[in-house]
Amino acid sequence: MTKSKIGTTEAIMIVLIIIVTHTISALPRDLLVSTKSATIINLIFVSTIAIIFSYLVVRLMKNFGGSDLIDISEYLGGKIFKNIVGIIFILYFLVSSSIMLRNFCESLKIIYFPMTNIVFIIALFILALCTANRLDFNASLKTNLLIVPLVLASIVFLFFANMNKFVPQRAFPIFGDGLFNTFVLGLGNLAAFGGIAYLYFLPPYLKEPEKMKKIALVSIGVSAVYLILCVSTLLFMFSFFINTNEITPLYNATRYIEFGSFFQRLESIFLLIWILAFACYLSITSKFAMSIFKKLTNIETKKPLIDIFGLFIFAITLVPKNYAISSKFESQIYPYLVLGITFFLGMSILILANLLKKKQKNVTSKSEI
């Protein structure tokens, strides 16, 4: 990826940009569809689980020094298993980011460019992606360091600017369709914390690996507050979002902001910030995917991969025939990918690798006796 090391704040922003970008699309709406008026309570519940999970990830990875999940996979099951895990995560990063790009471009087309072919809008993002990937990784991180706080601030502003339009009664019944739906079926909302996957690959690139715990807890904690603000804004403003397939629901909330007759129609500013955030997201996900591929193949440089990966993402975005299909992937398939790959596969590898390490340590201790 880069010989330069990543600072603690930059690492936090990497995890945040993944979660933030998904909320720009349809994630808040999908959360509301899942748990309805109980979504705020549910998010507090799953956020607590996500924080505990990320803490366990850090504790388990600590036993392997500065290794990432690919190195740990090789230790656990050899090169073949390492390659399988690496390919799974490469496809996961590329496919999920491609479908998110398609959905976001569909939104831009509907909002601002109804007469423009979707291919041209996607192509502009791919061009920006390939250009950014030719720069040093730290250049992308520095840009991300500026953009993420802007996105976070925009959501905080969105929440407080619309408070006069809130109807708190929409949060009732507080447990939605019941305790089982909120706390058992609602566990699927853990998929909102897909950024945890990037914690598996950060240790080798940190200036201060001992601060992994801080990176994990702060990034997931801030993400939880951010998600609650997004959902609260929609829940208190638009009860109809629970039953409709509205595109980019947060954008609709921006259209209600006005301060007197001068400061009106601020949604263009929000959209510009979100476009920049999406570009940062694409750059970071593709660079992590290229980093994994480079480790699997032992190639010396990632430069030949830049255009190949860009074209691969471009091709995947064109696979869905329309927005309905790509939206179905985001709402019905992507959550299972997050739960299966990030939460189950990643944690299983760490647990088994730690058990193997402990077993080998016990065998060594007995042989020395």
Protein backbone atom coordinates (compact mmCIF):
# COMPACT_ATOMS: atom_id res chain seq x y z
CA MET A 1 0.00 0.00 0.00
CA THR A 2 2.63 2.46 1.13
CA LYS A 3 5.89 2.43 3.02
CA SER A 4 4.68 5.35 5.09
CA LYS A 5 2.92 4.64 8.34
CA ILE A 6 -0.60 5.76 9.20
CA GLY A 7 -1.33 7.97 12.20
CA THR A 8 -4.00 7.14 14.76
CA THR A 9 -6.41 9.84 13.59
CA GLU A 10 -6.01 8.81 9.96
CA ALA A 11 -6.77 5.20 10.87
CA ILE A 12 -9.93 6.27 12.72
CA MET A 13 -11.05 8.19 9.65
CA ILE A 14 -10.58 5.10 7.45
CA VAL A 15 -13.11 3.14 9.49
CA LEU A 16 -15.45 6.13 9.67
CA ILE A 17 -15.50 6.83 5.92
CA ILE A 18 -16.76 3.30 5.23
CA ILE A 19 -19.71 3.62 7.60
CA VAL A 20 -20.37 7.26 6.69
CA THR A 21 -20.56 6.53 2.96
CA HIS A 22 -23.11 3.78 3.44
CA THR A 23 -25.37 6.14 5.38
CA ILE A 24 -25.23 8.62 2.50
CA SER A 25 -26.96 5.99 0.42
CA ALA A 26 -29.93 4.05 1.77
CA LEU A 27 -28.62 2.58 5.04
CA PRO A 28 -30.73 4.76 7.42
CA ARG A 29 -33.86 3.87 5.47
CA ASP A 30 -33.01 0.15 5.60
CA LEU A 31 -32.47 0.36 9.36
CA LEU A 32 -35.87 2.00 9.76
CA VAL A 33 -37.54 -0.63 7.58
CA SER A 34 -35.99 -3.33 9.76
CA THR A 35 -36.88 -2.05 13.25
CA LYS A 36 -39.27 0.86 12.59
CA SER A 37 -39.90 3.13 15.61
CA ALA A 38 -37.52 1.02 17.74
CA THR A 39 -34.54 1.82 15.52
CA ILE A 40 -32.93 4.26 17.97
CA ILE A 41 -33.12 1.72 20.82
CA ASN A 42 -31.92 -1.00 18.47
CA LEU A 43 -28.93 1.08 17.34
CA ILE A 44 -27.87 1.68 20.94
CA PHE A 45 -28.07 -2.10 21.47
CA VAL A 46 -26.16 -3.16 18.31
CA SER A 47 -23.64 -0.32 18.77
CA THR A 48 -22.75 -1.76 22.17
CA ILE A 49 -22.25 -5.18 20.57
CA ALA A 50 -20.15 -3.64 17.77
CA ILE A 51 -17.92 -1.86 20.29
CA ILE A 52 -17.42 -5.09 22.27
CA PHE A 53 -16.75 -6.98 19.03
CA SER A 54 -14.14 -4.46 17.85
CA TYR A 55 -12.46 -4.62 21.27
CA LEU A 56 -12.25 -8.43 20.97
CA VAL A 57 -10.77 -8.08 17.47
CA VAL A 58 -8.02 -5.86 18.84
CA ARG A 59 -7.32 -8.19 21.78
CA LEU A 60 -7.10 -11.26 19.56
CA MET A 61 -4.90 -9.54 16.94
CA LYS A 62 -2.56 -8.24 19.65
CA ASN A 63 -1.14 -11.75 20.05
CA PHE A 64 0.19 -11.58 16.48
CA GLY A 65 2.11 -8.31 16.70
CA GLY A 66 1.79 -6.18 13.59
CA SER A 67 0.25 -8.91 11.42
CA ASP A 68 -3.00 -8.43 9.53
CA LEU A 69 -5.75 -10.99 8.88
CA ILE A 70 -4.02 -12.29 5.74
CA ASP A 71 -0.83 -13.08 7.69
CA ILE A 72 -2.88 -14.67 10.48
CA SER A 73 -4.78 -16.77 7.92
CA GLU A 74 -1.47 -18.08 6.56
CA TYR A 75 -0.37 -18.96 10.10
CA LEU A 76 -3.65 -20.81 10.68
CA GLY A 77 -4.13 -22.70 7.41
CA GLY A 78 -1.12 -22.15 5.16
CA LYS A 79 -0.85 -20.37 1.80
CA ILE A 80 -3.94 -21.93 0.23
CA PHE A 81 -6.15 -20.78 3.08
CA LYS A 82 -4.45 -17.37 3.01
CA ASN A 83 -5.27 -17.03 -0.71
CA ILE A 84 -8.90 -18.04 -0.18
CA VAL A 85 -9.39 -15.50 2.62
CA GLY A 86 -7.59 -12.81 0.62
CA ILE A 87 -9.76 -13.35 -2.47
CA ILE A 88 -12.93 -13.28 -0.35
CA PHE A 89 -12.02 -9.91 1.14
CA ILE A 90 -10.89 -8.47 -2.21
CA LEU A 91 -14.21 -9.41 -3.79
CA TYR A 92 -16.10 -8.16 -0.74
CA PHE A 93 -14.41 -4.74 -0.89
CA LEU A 94 -14.75 -4.35 -4.65
CA VAL A 95 -18.28 -5.68 -5.11
CA SER A 96 -19.76 -3.76 -2.17
CA SER A 97 -18.10 -0.48 -3.21
CA SER A 98 -19.18 -1.01 -6.84
CA ILE A 99 -22.84 -1.50 -5.94
CA MET A 100 -22.75 1.48 -3.58
CA LEU A 101 -21.27 3.54 -6.43
CA ARG A 102 -24.06 2.42 -8.76
CA ASN A 103 -26.74 3.39 -6.23
CA PHE A 104 -25.14 6.75 -5.52
CA CYS A 105 -24.81 7.53 -9.23
CA GLU A 106 -28.45 6.57 -9.74
CA SER A 107 -29.34 9.11 -7.06
CA LEU A 108 -27.26 11.81 -8.74
CA LYS A 109 -28.91 11.04 -12.07
CA ILE A 110 -32.41 11.34 -10.61
CA ILE A 111 -31.66 14.50 -8.64
CA TYR A 112 -29.51 16.52 -11.03
CA PHE A 113 -28.80 14.70 -14.31
CA PRO A 114 -32.03 13.02 -15.51
CA MET A 115 -31.00 13.31 -19.17
CA THR A 116 -27.47 11.93 -18.67
CA ASN A 117 -26.59 8.29 -19.28
CA ILE A 118 -25.66 6.61 -16.00
CA VAL A 119 -22.49 5.22 -17.64
CA PHE A 120 -20.99 8.71 -17.96
CA ILE A 121 -21.64 9.56 -14.30
CA ILE A 122 -20.04 6.31 -13.17
CA ALA A 123 -17.10 6.87 -15.54
CA LEU A 124 -16.31 10.22 -13.87
CA PHE A 125 -16.03 8.50 -10.49
CA ILE A 126 -13.82 5.77 -11.97
CA LEU A 127 -11.58 8.43 -13.52
CA ALA A 128 -11.29 10.17 -10.14
CA LEU A 129 -10.60 6.79 -8.51
CA CYS A 130 -7.76 5.89 -10.88
CA THR A 131 -6.25 9.36 -10.55
CA ALA A 132 -6.34 9.21 -6.74
CA ASN A 133 -4.83 5.72 -6.72
CA ARG A 134 -1.82 6.98 -8.63
CA LEU A 135 -1.04 9.28 -5.72
CA ASP A 136 0.64 8.18 -2.52
CA PHE A 137 -1.75 6.49 -0.07
CA ASN A 138 -1.14 9.25 2.47
CA ALA A 139 -2.49 11.78 -0.02
CA SER A 140 -5.84 9.98 0.02
CA LEU A 141 -5.71 9.81 3.81
CA LYS A 142 -5.05 13.52 4.17
CA THR A 143 -8.02 14.27 1.93
CA ASN A 144 -10.09 11.83 3.96
CA LEU A 145 -8.92 13.59 7.11
CA LEU A 146 -10.59 16.77 5.83
CA ILE A 147 -13.72 15.26 4.29
CA VAL A 148 -14.91 12.97 7.11
CA PRO A 149 -15.20 15.78 9.70
CA LEU A 150 -17.17 17.78 7.12
CA VAL A 151 -19.60 14.90 6.61
CA LEU A 152 -19.97 14.38 10.35
CA ALA A 153 -20.56 18.10 10.85
CA SER A 154 -23.11 18.14 8.02
CA ILE A 155 -25.18 15.44 9.74
CA VAL A 156 -25.00 17.20 13.11
CA PHE A 157 -26.07 20.41 11.37
CA LEU A 158 -28.85 18.54 9.53
CA PHE A 159 -30.18 17.19 12.83
CA PHE A 160 -30.25 20.50 14.70
CA ALA A 161 -31.39 22.59 11.71
CA ASN A 162 -34.49 20.43 11.34
CA MET A 163 -35.39 20.08 15.02
CA ASN A 164 -38.32 22.46 14.66
CA LYS A 165 -39.88 19.98 12.22
CA PHE A 166 -39.45 16.94 14.46
CA VAL A 167 -42.43 14.96 15.69
CA PRO A 168 -41.06 12.99 18.71
CA GLN A 169 -44.25 10.90 18.89
CA ARG A 170 -43.04 9.01 15.80
CA ALA A 171 -40.59 7.19 18.09
CA PHE A 172 -43.56 5.36 19.67
CA PRO A 173 -44.12 2.55 20.34
CA ILE A 174 -40.56 2.66 21.65
CA PHE A 175 -40.03 -1.08 21.07
CA GLY A 176 -41.58 -1.05 17.59
CA ASP A 177 -42.97 -4.47 16.69
CA GLY A 178 -41.88 -5.98 20.01
CA LEU A 179 -38.80 -6.97 22.00
CA PHE A 180 -38.04 -9.98 19.78
CA ASN A 181 -37.98 -7.87 16.60
CA THR A 182 -35.93 -5.15 18.28
CA PHE A 183 -33.27 -7.21 20.05
CA VAL A 184 -33.18 -10.55 18.20
CA LEU A 185 -34.19 -9.98 14.58
CA GLY A 186 -32.73 -6.48 14.91
CA LEU A 187 -29.24 -7.98 15.35
CA GLY A 188 -29.06 -7.85 11.56
CA ASN A 189 -28.52 -4.11 11.91
CA LEU A 190 -24.96 -4.93 13.01
CA ALA A 191 -24.30 -4.81 9.27
CA ALA A 192 -24.29 -1.02 9.60
CA PHE A 193 -20.80 -1.37 11.12
CA GLY A 194 -19.14 -2.82 8.03
CA GLY A 195 -16.13 -0.57 8.61
CA ILE A 196 -14.95 -3.04 11.27
CA ALA A 197 -13.58 -5.17 8.40
CA TYR A 198 -10.81 -2.62 7.89
CA LEU A 199 -9.58 -3.11 11.46
CA TYR A 200 -8.31 -6.51 10.33
CA PHE A 201 -5.85 -4.90 7.90
CA LEU A 202 -4.66 -1.79 9.77
CA PRO A 203 -1.92 -3.08 12.17
CA PRO A 204 0.95 -3.32 9.62
CA TYR A 205 0.44 0.30 8.59
CA LEU A 206 0.16 2.02 11.96
CA LYS A 207 2.82 4.32 13.36
CA GLU A 208 1.66 3.32 16.83
CA PRO A 209 0.21 -0.23 16.73
CA GLU A 210 -0.32 -0.10 20.49
CA LYS A 211 -3.15 2.38 19.85
CA MET A 212 -5.29 -0.11 17.93
CA LYS A 213 -7.72 -0.28 20.84
CA LYS A 214 -8.21 3.48 20.75
CA ILE A 215 -8.71 3.39 16.98
CA ALA A 216 -11.34 0.65 17.22
CA LEU A 217 -13.31 2.09 20.13
CA VAL A 218 -13.28 5.71 18.95
CA SER A 219 -14.19 4.91 15.33
CA ILE A 220 -17.05 2.59 16.27
CA GLY A 221 -18.25 4.91 19.04
CA VAL A 222 -18.35 7.95 16.74
CA SER A 223 -20.03 5.85 14.05
CA ALA A 224 -22.73 4.82 16.53
CA VAL A 225 -23.52 8.44 17.43
CA TYR A 226 -23.49 9.37 13.74
CA LEU A 227 -25.91 6.57 12.83
CA ILE A 228 -28.27 7.48 15.66
CA LEU A 229 -28.35 11.12 14.48
CA CYS A 230 -29.08 10.04 10.88
CA VAL A 231 -31.88 7.69 11.89
CA SER A 232 -33.34 10.15 14.41
CA THR A 233 -33.53 12.87 11.77
CA LEU A 234 -35.47 10.65 9.38
CA LEU A 235 -37.63 9.00 12.00
CA PHE A 236 -38.77 12.29 13.56
CA MET A 237 -39.32 13.99 10.18
CA PHE A 238 -40.61 11.35 7.77
CA SER A 239 -42.64 8.47 9.09
CA PHE A 240 -43.35 7.48 5.48
CA PHE A 241 -39.72 6.47 4.95
CA ILE A 242 -40.49 3.28 6.84
CA ASN A 243 -42.79 2.09 4.08
CA THR A 244 -41.33 3.62 0.93
CA ASN A 245 -38.32 3.06 -1.32
CA GLU A 246 -37.17 6.68 -1.26
CA ILE A 247 -33.77 7.34 -2.84
CA THR A 248 -31.12 8.98 -0.61
CA PRO A 249 -33.50 9.83 2.26
CA LEU A 250 -30.95 12.10 3.96
CA TYR A 251 -30.92 14.32 0.87
CA ASN A 252 -34.67 14.88 1.29
CA ALA A 253 -34.07 16.07 4.84
CA THR A 254 -31.60 18.70 3.57
CA ARG A 255 -34.32 20.27 1.41
CA TYR A 256 -36.24 21.38 4.50
CA ILE A 257 -33.39 23.49 5.89
CA GLU A 258 -33.81 27.24 5.62
CA PHE A 259 -32.67 30.25 7.59
CA GLY A 260 -34.72 33.25 6.55
CA SER A 261 -35.05 34.18 2.89
CA PHE A 262 -31.32 34.20 2.15
CA PHE A 263 -30.06 30.77 3.34
CA GLN A 264 -32.32 28.35 1.49
CA ARG A 265 -31.84 25.31 -0.75
CA LEU A 266 -28.63 24.20 0.97
CA GLU A 267 -28.90 20.64 -0.35
CA SER A 268 -26.31 21.30 -3.09
CA ILE A 269 -23.65 21.95 -0.44
CA PHE A 270 -24.50 18.70 1.33
CA LEU A 271 -24.41 16.79 -1.94
CA LEU A 272 -20.99 18.22 -2.85
CA ILE A 273 -19.58 17.11 0.52
CA TRP A 274 -21.09 13.66 0.06
CA ILE A 275 -19.67 13.33 -3.47
CA LEU A 276 -16.18 14.07 -2.12
CA ALA A 277 -16.74 11.55 0.69
CA PHE A 278 -17.78 8.92 -1.83
CA ALA A 279 -14.64 9.54 -3.90
CA CYS A 280 -12.49 9.08 -0.76
CA TYR A 281 -14.37 5.89 0.06
CA LEU A 282 -13.74 4.41 -3.39
CA SER A 283 -10.05 5.28 -3.24
CA ILE A 284 -9.55 3.70 0.18
CA THR A 285 -11.51 0.50 -0.49
CA SER A 286 -9.75 -0.12 -3.80
CA LYS A 287 -6.32 0.56 -2.27
CA PHE A 288 -6.95 -1.93 0.50
CA ALA A 289 -8.09 -4.47 -2.11
CA MET A 290 -4.94 -3.84 -4.16
CA SER A 291 -2.81 -4.14 -1.02
CA ILE A 292 -4.28 -7.57 -0.28
CA PHE A 293 -3.79 -8.67 -3.92
CA LYS A 294 -0.20 -7.46 -3.81
CA LYS A 295 0.42 -9.52 -0.68
CA LEU A 296 -1.12 -12.64 -2.25
CA THR A 297 0.86 -12.39 -5.49
CA ASN A 298 4.10 -10.82 -4.16
CA ILE A 299 4.18 -8.28 -6.99
CA GLU A 300 6.56 -5.37 -6.43
CA THR A 301 4.25 -2.47 -7.29
CA LYS A 302 0.53 -1.83 -7.42
CA LYS A 303 0.72 0.53 -10.44
CA PRO A 304 -0.30 -2.12 -13.02
CA LEU A 305 -3.34 -2.90 -10.85
CA ILE A 306 -4.78 0.62 -10.75
CA ASP A 307 -6.49 0.61 -14.13
CA ILE A 308 -7.38 -3.10 -13.89
CA PHE A 309 -9.15 -2.64 -10.56
CA GLY A 310 -10.79 0.55 -11.82
CA LEU A 311 -12.18 -1.27 -14.85
CA PHE A 312 -13.27 -4.16 -12.63
CA ILE A 313 -15.27 -1.80 -10.43
CA PHE A 314 -16.70 -0.08 -13.50
CA ALA A 315 -17.81 -3.43 -14.94
CA ILE A 316 -19.51 -4.50 -11.70
CA THR A 317 -21.45 -1.23 -11.46
CA LEU A 318 -22.96 -1.96 -14.87
CA VAL A 319 -24.10 -5.50 -13.99
CA PRO A 320 -27.43 -4.46 -12.36
CA LYS A 321 -29.92 -3.60 -15.10
CA ASN A 322 -31.58 -0.88 -13.04
CA TYR A 323 -31.69 0.82 -9.64
CA ALA A 324 -34.22 -1.67 -8.27
CA ILE A 325 -31.74 -4.54 -8.66
CA SER A 326 -28.74 -2.68 -7.22
CA SER A 327 -30.89 -1.38 -4.37
CA LYS A 328 -32.00 -4.93 -3.58
CA PHE A 329 -28.35 -5.95 -3.28
CA GLU A 330 -27.65 -3.09 -0.88
CA SER A 331 -30.66 -3.75 1.33
CA GLN A 332 -31.03 -7.53 1.18
CA ILE A 333 -27.66 -9.07 0.26
CA TYR A 334 -24.98 -6.69 1.51
CA PRO A 335 -26.01 -7.01 5.22
CA TYR A 336 -25.49 -10.79 5.04
CA LEU A 337 -22.07 -10.28 3.44
CA VAL A 338 -21.07 -7.99 6.31
CA LEU A 339 -22.34 -10.40 8.97
CA GLY A 340 -20.83 -13.44 7.25
CA ILE A 341 -17.44 -12.04 6.23
CA THR A 342 -16.71 -9.29 8.75
CA PHE A 343 -18.29 -10.71 11.87
CA PHE A 344 -18.24 -14.49 11.37
CA LEU A 345 -15.28 -15.29 9.07
CA GLY A 346 -12.91 -12.68 10.47
CA MET A 347 -13.63 -13.51 14.12
CA SER A 348 -13.50 -17.27 13.48
CA ILE A 349 -10.01 -16.96 11.97
CA LEU A 350 -8.78 -14.91 14.93
CA ILE A 351 -10.23 -17.29 17.52
CA LEU A 352 -8.87 -20.43 15.83
CA ALA A 353 -5.46 -18.82 15.27
CA ASN A 354 -5.26 -17.86 18.94
CA LEU A 355 -6.23 -21.38 20.00
CA LEU A 356 -3.53 -22.80 17.72
CA LYS A 357 -0.97 -20.37 19.10
CA LYS A 358 -1.91 -21.29 22.66
CA LYS A 359 -1.69 -25.02 21.84
CA GLN A 360 1.76 -24.62 20.27
CA LYS A 361 2.90 -22.60 23.26
CA ASN A 362 1.74 -25.34 25.64
CA VAL A 363 3.51 -28.02 23.58
CA THR A 364 6.73 -25.97 23.59
CA SER A 365 6.50 -25.46 27.35
CA LYS A 366 6.04 -29.21 27.97
CA SER A 367 8.95 -30.12 25.68
CA GLU A 368 11.24 -27.73 27.53
CA ILE A 369 10.28 -29.40 30.84
